[in-house]
């Protein structure tokens, strides 16, 4: 009987064995539009809010956070499955968002960013003038 060997499966198994089941430093997120805001949420359970750093330069948003080991220094760790260390994510925001008015909150392990749509990007009516007829067209 022939046995097929999948080198990628073996490589995945080895990577999980040495690096753990989850990718270190990964910061998962959801993003959706609600009215005139873009809402972005990051799962950061067990993170001290003081360790979260958010900055924006032009249209690039950078988020950095750190989870420190819960055990006191010198304690012998029996099982360590939760990711520790630094987490970061970089988002490239479009020109249509008002990055000067970003609102951030952290509750129940979720970092929520509310980014308003810029006024100049919102739909507006354009009035056409000329002759004796005036019309409103959607813009």
N, C-alpha and C. Protein backbone atom coordinates (compact mmCIF):
# COMPACT_ATOMS: atom_id res chain seq x y z
N UNK A 1 0.85 -1.18 0.00
CA UNK A 1 0.00 0.00 0.00
C UNK A 1 0.90 1.24 0.00
N UNK A 2 0.56 2.18 -0.85
CA UNK A 2 1.30 3.43 -0.93
C UNK A 2 0.72 4.43 0.06
N UNK A 3 1.59 5.19 0.70
CA UNK A 3 1.14 6.24 1.60
C UNK A 3 1.57 7.56 1.02
N UNK A 4 0.63 8.45 0.91
CA UNK A 4 0.92 9.76 0.36
C UNK A 4 1.46 10.66 1.47
N UNK A 5 2.47 11.40 1.18
CA UNK A 5 3.06 12.31 2.15
C UNK A 5 2.72 13.74 1.73
N UNK A 6 2.23 14.51 2.68
CA UNK A 6 1.92 15.92 2.43
C UNK A 6 2.92 16.76 3.22
N UNK A 7 3.94 17.29 2.55
CA UNK A 7 4.97 18.04 3.29
C UNK A 7 4.41 19.30 3.95
N UNK A 8 3.36 19.89 3.39
CA UNK A 8 2.80 21.10 3.98
C UNK A 8 2.07 20.79 5.28
N UNK A 9 1.38 19.65 5.33
CA UNK A 9 0.70 19.25 6.56
C UNK A 9 1.73 19.06 7.68
N UNK A 10 2.83 18.41 7.36
CA UNK A 10 3.87 18.19 8.36
C UNK A 10 4.48 19.53 8.80
N UNK A 11 4.66 20.44 7.86
CA UNK A 11 5.19 21.76 8.19
C UNK A 11 4.22 22.52 9.10
N UNK A 12 2.92 22.45 8.81
CA UNK A 12 1.91 23.09 9.68
C UNK A 12 1.94 22.49 11.08
N UNK A 13 2.05 21.17 11.15
CA UNK A 13 2.09 20.50 12.46
C UNK A 13 3.30 20.96 13.26
N UNK A 14 4.44 21.04 12.62
CA UNK A 14 5.65 21.49 13.31
C UNK A 14 5.54 22.95 13.75
N UNK A 15 4.98 23.78 12.88
CA UNK A 15 4.83 25.20 13.23
C UNK A 15 3.91 25.35 14.43
N UNK A 16 2.80 24.60 14.47
CA UNK A 16 1.89 24.67 15.62
C UNK A 16 2.55 24.15 16.88
N UNK A 17 3.37 23.12 16.74
CA UNK A 17 4.05 22.55 17.89
C UNK A 17 5.03 23.56 18.50
N UNK A 18 5.77 24.28 17.66
CA UNK A 18 6.77 25.21 18.17
C UNK A 18 6.24 26.60 18.44
N UNK A 19 5.27 27.05 17.66
CA UNK A 19 4.76 28.42 17.81
C UNK A 19 3.44 28.49 18.55
N UNK A 20 2.80 27.37 18.76
CA UNK A 20 1.49 27.39 19.40
C UNK A 20 0.40 27.40 18.34
N UNK A 21 -0.83 27.20 18.78
CA UNK A 21 -1.95 27.09 17.85
C UNK A 21 -2.31 28.43 17.22
N UNK A 22 -2.10 29.51 17.94
CA UNK A 22 -2.44 30.81 17.38
C UNK A 22 -1.17 31.56 17.02
N UNK A 23 -1.30 32.39 16.07
CA UNK A 23 -0.17 33.18 15.60
C UNK A 23 0.16 34.27 16.62
N UNK A 24 1.39 34.29 17.15
CA UNK A 24 1.71 35.33 18.12
C UNK A 24 1.65 36.71 17.48
N UNK A 25 1.16 37.67 18.24
CA UNK A 25 1.10 39.04 17.75
C UNK A 25 -0.11 39.35 16.90
N UNK A 26 -0.98 38.34 16.66
CA UNK A 26 -2.16 38.58 15.84
C UNK A 26 -3.18 39.39 16.63
N UNK A 27 -3.78 40.39 15.98
CA UNK A 27 -4.81 41.21 16.59
C UNK A 27 -6.02 41.15 15.65
N UNK A 28 -6.97 40.26 15.98
CA UNK A 28 -8.12 40.08 15.10
C UNK A 28 -9.08 41.26 15.24
N UNK A 29 -9.81 41.56 14.16
CA UNK A 29 -10.68 42.72 14.16
C UNK A 29 -11.91 42.49 13.30
N UNK A 30 -12.92 43.33 13.56
CA UNK A 30 -14.10 43.45 12.71
C UNK A 30 -14.22 44.92 12.37
N UNK A 31 -14.73 45.23 11.19
CA UNK A 31 -14.97 46.62 10.80
C UNK A 31 -16.29 46.68 10.05
N UNK A 32 -17.08 47.70 10.36
CA UNK A 32 -18.36 47.89 9.69
C UNK A 32 -18.74 49.36 9.71
N UNK A 33 -19.64 49.72 8.82
CA UNK A 33 -20.12 51.10 8.76
C UNK A 33 -21.46 51.17 9.46
N UNK A 34 -21.60 52.17 10.32
CA UNK A 34 -22.85 52.41 11.04
C UNK A 34 -23.18 53.89 10.90
N UNK A 35 -24.18 54.20 10.08
CA UNK A 35 -24.53 55.60 9.83
C UNK A 35 -23.36 56.32 9.18
N UNK A 36 -22.91 57.41 9.82
CA UNK A 36 -21.80 58.20 9.29
C UNK A 36 -20.47 57.85 9.95
N UNK A 37 -20.36 56.66 10.54
CA UNK A 37 -19.12 56.25 11.22
C UNK A 37 -18.65 54.90 10.70
N UNK A 38 -17.32 54.74 10.69
CA UNK A 38 -16.70 53.44 10.50
C UNK A 38 -16.37 52.93 11.90
N UNK A 39 -16.84 51.74 12.24
CA UNK A 39 -16.58 51.14 13.54
C UNK A 39 -15.58 50.01 13.34
N UNK A 40 -14.49 50.04 14.12
CA UNK A 40 -13.48 48.99 14.06
C UNK A 40 -13.31 48.44 15.47
N UNK A 41 -13.42 47.12 15.62
CA UNK A 41 -13.31 46.49 16.93
C UNK A 41 -12.20 45.44 16.91
N UNK A 42 -11.36 45.48 17.96
CA UNK A 42 -10.24 44.56 18.10
C UNK A 42 -10.44 43.74 19.38
N UNK A 43 -10.25 42.43 19.31
CA UNK A 43 -10.30 41.59 20.50
C UNK A 43 -8.95 41.67 21.20
N UNK A 44 -8.97 42.21 22.42
CA UNK A 44 -7.74 42.33 23.21
C UNK A 44 -8.02 41.92 24.66
N UNK A 45 -8.46 40.69 24.89
CA UNK A 45 -8.77 40.28 26.26
C UNK A 45 -7.51 40.23 27.13
N UNK A 46 -7.68 40.64 28.37
CA UNK A 46 -6.57 40.57 29.32
C UNK A 46 -5.51 41.64 29.14
N UNK A 47 -5.78 42.63 28.32
CA UNK A 47 -4.83 43.71 28.08
C UNK A 47 -5.10 44.84 29.05
N UNK A 48 -4.05 45.36 29.66
CA UNK A 48 -4.18 46.55 30.49
C UNK A 48 -4.40 47.74 29.56
N UNK A 49 -5.51 48.48 29.72
CA UNK A 49 -5.77 49.61 28.81
C UNK A 49 -4.63 50.62 28.76
N UNK A 50 -3.84 50.71 29.82
CA UNK A 50 -2.70 51.63 29.83
C UNK A 50 -1.61 51.20 28.84
N UNK A 51 -1.61 49.93 28.44
CA UNK A 51 -0.58 49.45 27.50
C UNK A 51 -0.98 49.63 26.04
N UNK A 52 -2.21 50.11 25.79
CA UNK A 52 -2.68 50.29 24.42
C UNK A 52 -2.24 51.65 23.90
N UNK A 53 -1.62 51.65 22.73
CA UNK A 53 -1.14 52.87 22.10
C UNK A 53 -1.74 52.95 20.70
N UNK A 54 -2.42 54.06 20.43
CA UNK A 54 -3.04 54.27 19.12
C UNK A 54 -2.51 55.58 18.55
N UNK A 55 -2.02 55.54 17.34
CA UNK A 55 -1.63 56.78 16.68
C UNK A 55 -2.02 56.74 15.21
N UNK A 56 -2.20 57.92 14.67
CA UNK A 56 -2.57 58.03 13.26
C UNK A 56 -1.69 59.10 12.62
N UNK A 57 -1.15 58.76 11.48
CA UNK A 57 -0.34 59.71 10.72
C UNK A 57 -0.82 59.65 9.28
N UNK A 58 -1.28 60.80 8.81
CA UNK A 58 -1.95 60.88 7.52
C UNK A 58 -3.12 59.92 7.55
N UNK A 59 -3.14 58.90 6.75
CA UNK A 59 -4.26 57.96 6.74
C UNK A 59 -3.86 56.57 7.23
N UNK A 60 -2.79 56.50 8.01
CA UNK A 60 -2.32 55.22 8.53
C UNK A 60 -2.56 55.19 10.03
N UNK A 61 -3.36 54.20 10.46
CA UNK A 61 -3.69 54.02 11.87
C UNK A 61 -2.85 52.87 12.41
N UNK A 62 -2.14 53.11 13.51
CA UNK A 62 -1.32 52.08 14.14
C UNK A 62 -1.85 51.80 15.54
N UNK A 63 -2.06 50.53 15.86
CA UNK A 63 -2.50 50.12 17.18
C UNK A 63 -1.46 49.17 17.74
N UNK A 64 -1.04 49.41 18.97
CA UNK A 64 -0.05 48.57 19.63
C UNK A 64 -0.53 48.30 21.05
N UNK A 65 -0.44 47.06 21.50
CA UNK A 65 -0.83 46.70 22.86
C UNK A 65 0.11 45.62 23.37
N UNK A 66 0.14 45.45 24.69
CA UNK A 66 1.02 44.45 25.28
C UNK A 66 0.29 43.70 26.39
N UNK A 67 0.41 42.38 26.36
CA UNK A 67 -0.14 41.53 27.44
C UNK A 67 1.05 40.95 28.19
N UNK A 68 1.07 41.25 29.47
CA UNK A 68 2.16 40.77 30.32
C UNK A 68 1.76 39.46 31.00
N UNK A 69 2.73 38.62 31.30
CA UNK A 69 2.40 37.35 31.97
C UNK A 69 1.72 37.60 33.31
N UNK A 70 0.65 36.82 33.62
CA UNK A 70 -0.07 37.03 34.86
C UNK A 70 0.64 36.49 36.10
N UNK A 71 1.51 35.52 35.90
CA UNK A 71 2.19 34.90 37.04
C UNK A 71 3.28 35.83 37.57
N UNK A 72 3.46 35.85 38.89
CA UNK A 72 4.52 36.67 39.46
C UNK A 72 5.90 36.19 38.99
N UNK A 73 6.83 37.11 38.97
CA UNK A 73 8.18 36.77 38.54
C UNK A 73 8.74 35.67 39.43
N UNK A 74 9.36 34.69 38.83
CA UNK A 74 9.93 33.58 39.57
C UNK A 74 8.98 32.40 39.73
N UNK A 75 7.70 32.56 39.38
CA UNK A 75 6.73 31.47 39.49
C UNK A 75 6.99 30.45 38.39
N UNK A 76 6.72 29.20 38.68
CA UNK A 76 6.89 28.14 37.69
C UNK A 76 5.58 27.97 36.92
N UNK A 77 5.61 28.26 35.63
CA UNK A 77 4.44 28.16 34.78
C UNK A 77 4.21 26.68 34.45
N UNK A 78 3.01 26.20 34.68
CA UNK A 78 2.66 24.81 34.40
C UNK A 78 2.11 24.68 32.99
N UNK A 79 1.17 25.56 32.62
CA UNK A 79 0.58 25.57 31.27
C UNK A 79 0.57 27.02 30.80
N UNK A 80 1.05 27.28 29.60
CA UNK A 80 1.07 28.63 29.04
C UNK A 80 0.56 28.58 27.61
N UNK A 81 -0.77 28.72 27.43
CA UNK A 81 -1.36 28.66 26.11
C UNK A 81 -1.76 30.03 25.58
N UNK A 82 -1.96 30.99 26.48
CA UNK A 82 -2.38 32.32 26.03
C UNK A 82 -1.18 33.09 25.50
N UNK A 83 -1.40 33.81 24.42
CA UNK A 83 -0.33 34.60 23.82
C UNK A 83 0.03 35.77 24.73
N UNK A 84 1.30 35.98 24.93
CA UNK A 84 1.81 37.09 25.72
C UNK A 84 2.71 37.93 24.81
N UNK A 85 3.00 39.12 25.26
CA UNK A 85 3.91 39.97 24.52
C UNK A 85 3.20 41.08 23.79
N UNK A 86 3.79 41.52 22.70
CA UNK A 86 3.29 42.67 21.95
C UNK A 86 2.35 42.24 20.82
N UNK A 87 1.34 43.07 20.62
CA UNK A 87 0.38 42.88 19.53
C UNK A 87 0.30 44.19 18.77
N UNK A 88 0.23 44.11 17.45
CA UNK A 88 0.13 45.36 16.69
C UNK A 88 -0.67 45.12 15.41
N UNK A 89 -1.24 46.21 14.95
CA UNK A 89 -2.01 46.17 13.70
C UNK A 89 -1.91 47.54 13.04
N UNK A 90 -1.80 47.54 11.74
CA UNK A 90 -1.73 48.78 10.98
C UNK A 90 -2.87 48.76 9.96
N UNK A 91 -3.64 49.85 9.94
CA UNK A 91 -4.74 49.98 8.99
C UNK A 91 -4.51 51.18 8.10
N UNK A 92 -4.76 51.02 6.82
CA UNK A 92 -4.67 52.12 5.88
C UNK A 92 -6.10 52.62 5.65
N UNK A 93 -6.37 53.83 6.12
CA UNK A 93 -7.70 54.41 6.05
C UNK A 93 -7.84 55.23 4.77
N UNK A 94 -9.03 55.27 4.22
CA UNK A 94 -9.27 56.04 3.02
C UNK A 94 -9.30 57.53 3.30
N UNK A 95 -9.28 58.31 2.26
CA UNK A 95 -9.32 59.76 2.36
C UNK A 95 -10.66 60.27 2.86
N UNK A 96 -11.68 59.41 2.86
CA UNK A 96 -13.03 59.85 3.20
C UNK A 96 -13.32 59.82 4.70
N UNK A 97 -12.33 59.47 5.52
CA UNK A 97 -12.54 59.40 6.97
C UNK A 97 -11.89 60.59 7.66
N UNK A 98 -12.52 61.06 8.74
CA UNK A 98 -12.03 62.20 9.51
C UNK A 98 -11.15 61.68 10.64
N UNK A 99 -9.86 61.54 10.39
CA UNK A 99 -8.94 60.96 11.37
C UNK A 99 -8.65 61.89 12.54
N UNK A 100 -9.07 63.16 12.45
CA UNK A 100 -8.90 64.08 13.57
C UNK A 100 -9.95 63.87 14.66
N UNK A 101 -10.99 63.10 14.36
CA UNK A 101 -12.08 62.93 15.32
C UNK A 101 -12.30 61.46 15.70
N UNK A 102 -11.24 60.66 15.74
CA UNK A 102 -11.36 59.25 16.12
C UNK A 102 -11.66 59.16 17.61
N UNK A 103 -12.63 58.31 17.96
CA UNK A 103 -12.99 58.07 19.35
C UNK A 103 -12.64 56.62 19.68
N UNK A 104 -11.95 56.38 20.80
CA UNK A 104 -11.54 55.03 21.18
C UNK A 104 -12.08 54.70 22.57
N UNK A 105 -12.56 53.46 22.72
CA UNK A 105 -13.00 52.98 24.03
C UNK A 105 -12.58 51.52 24.18
N UNK A 106 -12.41 51.10 25.44
CA UNK A 106 -12.00 49.72 25.73
C UNK A 106 -12.93 49.18 26.81
N UNK A 107 -13.68 48.12 26.46
CA UNK A 107 -14.63 47.55 27.40
C UNK A 107 -14.73 46.05 27.18
N UNK A 108 -14.69 45.30 28.28
CA UNK A 108 -14.83 43.84 28.24
C UNK A 108 -13.85 43.18 27.27
N UNK A 109 -12.63 43.68 27.21
CA UNK A 109 -11.61 43.08 26.36
C UNK A 109 -11.70 43.43 24.89
N UNK A 110 -12.56 44.41 24.55
CA UNK A 110 -12.72 44.81 23.14
C UNK A 110 -12.37 46.29 23.00
N UNK A 111 -11.42 46.59 22.13
CA UNK A 111 -11.07 47.97 21.79
C UNK A 111 -11.95 48.38 20.61
N UNK A 112 -12.72 49.46 20.79
CA UNK A 112 -13.61 49.94 19.74
C UNK A 112 -13.18 51.32 19.29
N UNK A 113 -12.97 51.48 17.99
CA UNK A 113 -12.65 52.78 17.40
C UNK A 113 -13.84 53.22 16.56
N UNK A 114 -14.25 54.46 16.76
CA UNK A 114 -15.33 55.06 15.97
C UNK A 114 -14.69 56.18 15.15
N UNK A 115 -14.68 55.99 13.82
CA UNK A 115 -14.03 56.95 12.93
C UNK A 115 -15.10 57.57 12.05
N UNK A 116 -15.37 58.88 12.22
CA UNK A 116 -16.43 59.51 11.42
C UNK A 116 -16.04 59.67 9.95
N UNK A 117 -17.05 59.61 9.11
CA UNK A 117 -16.85 59.92 7.69
C UNK A 117 -16.67 61.43 7.59
N UNK A 118 -15.70 61.86 6.81
CA UNK A 118 -15.43 63.29 6.64
C UNK A 118 -16.62 63.98 5.98
N UNK A 119 -16.88 65.21 6.40
CA UNK A 119 -18.02 65.96 5.87
C UNK A 119 -17.98 66.05 4.35
N UNK A 120 -16.80 66.29 3.78
CA UNK A 120 -16.72 66.45 2.33
C UNK A 120 -16.99 65.14 1.59
N UNK A 121 -16.98 64.00 2.31
CA UNK A 121 -17.23 62.71 1.66
C UNK A 121 -18.69 62.28 1.75
N UNK A 122 -19.49 62.98 2.54
CA UNK A 122 -20.89 62.62 2.70
C UNK A 122 -21.69 63.04 1.46
N UNK A 123 -22.70 62.26 1.10
CA UNK A 123 -23.55 62.64 -0.04
C UNK A 123 -24.25 63.97 0.24
N UNK A 124 -24.41 64.76 -0.79
CA UNK A 124 -25.08 66.06 -0.64
C UNK A 124 -25.81 66.40 -1.93
N UNK A 125 -26.76 67.29 -1.83
CA UNK A 125 -27.54 67.74 -2.98
C UNK A 125 -26.79 68.86 -3.70
N UNK A 126 -26.86 68.84 -5.00
CA UNK A 126 -26.26 69.88 -5.83
C UNK A 126 -27.40 70.58 -6.55
N UNK A 127 -27.46 71.88 -6.37
CA UNK A 127 -28.53 72.65 -7.02
C UNK A 127 -28.04 73.12 -8.38
N UNK A 128 -28.91 72.96 -9.36
CA UNK A 128 -28.59 73.40 -10.71
C UNK A 128 -29.38 74.68 -10.98
N UNK A 129 -28.69 75.69 -11.45
CA UNK A 129 -29.37 76.93 -11.79
C UNK A 129 -29.20 77.19 -13.26
N UNK A 130 -30.11 77.96 -13.81
CA UNK A 130 -30.04 78.30 -15.23
C UNK A 130 -31.43 78.36 -15.80
N UNK A 131 -31.66 79.38 -16.58
CA UNK A 131 -32.99 79.54 -17.16
C UNK A 131 -34.01 79.79 -16.06
N UNK A 132 -35.24 79.51 -16.37
CA UNK A 132 -36.30 79.76 -15.39
C UNK A 132 -36.61 78.52 -14.55
N UNK A 133 -36.09 77.34 -14.96
CA UNK A 133 -36.35 76.11 -14.21
C UNK A 133 -35.21 75.85 -13.24
N UNK A 134 -35.56 75.47 -12.01
CA UNK A 134 -34.56 75.07 -11.01
C UNK A 134 -34.88 73.65 -10.58
N UNK A 135 -33.87 72.84 -10.51
CA UNK A 135 -34.06 71.44 -10.12
C UNK A 135 -33.04 71.08 -9.04
N UNK A 136 -33.39 70.09 -8.25
CA UNK A 136 -32.47 69.51 -7.28
C UNK A 136 -32.09 68.12 -7.79
N UNK A 137 -30.81 67.88 -7.89
CA UNK A 137 -30.33 66.57 -8.29
C UNK A 137 -29.54 65.97 -7.14
N UNK A 138 -29.64 64.65 -6.96
CA UNK A 138 -28.84 63.97 -5.93
C UNK A 138 -27.38 63.97 -6.33
N UNK A 139 -26.50 64.27 -5.37
CA UNK A 139 -25.07 64.34 -5.70
C UNK A 139 -24.26 63.33 -5.05
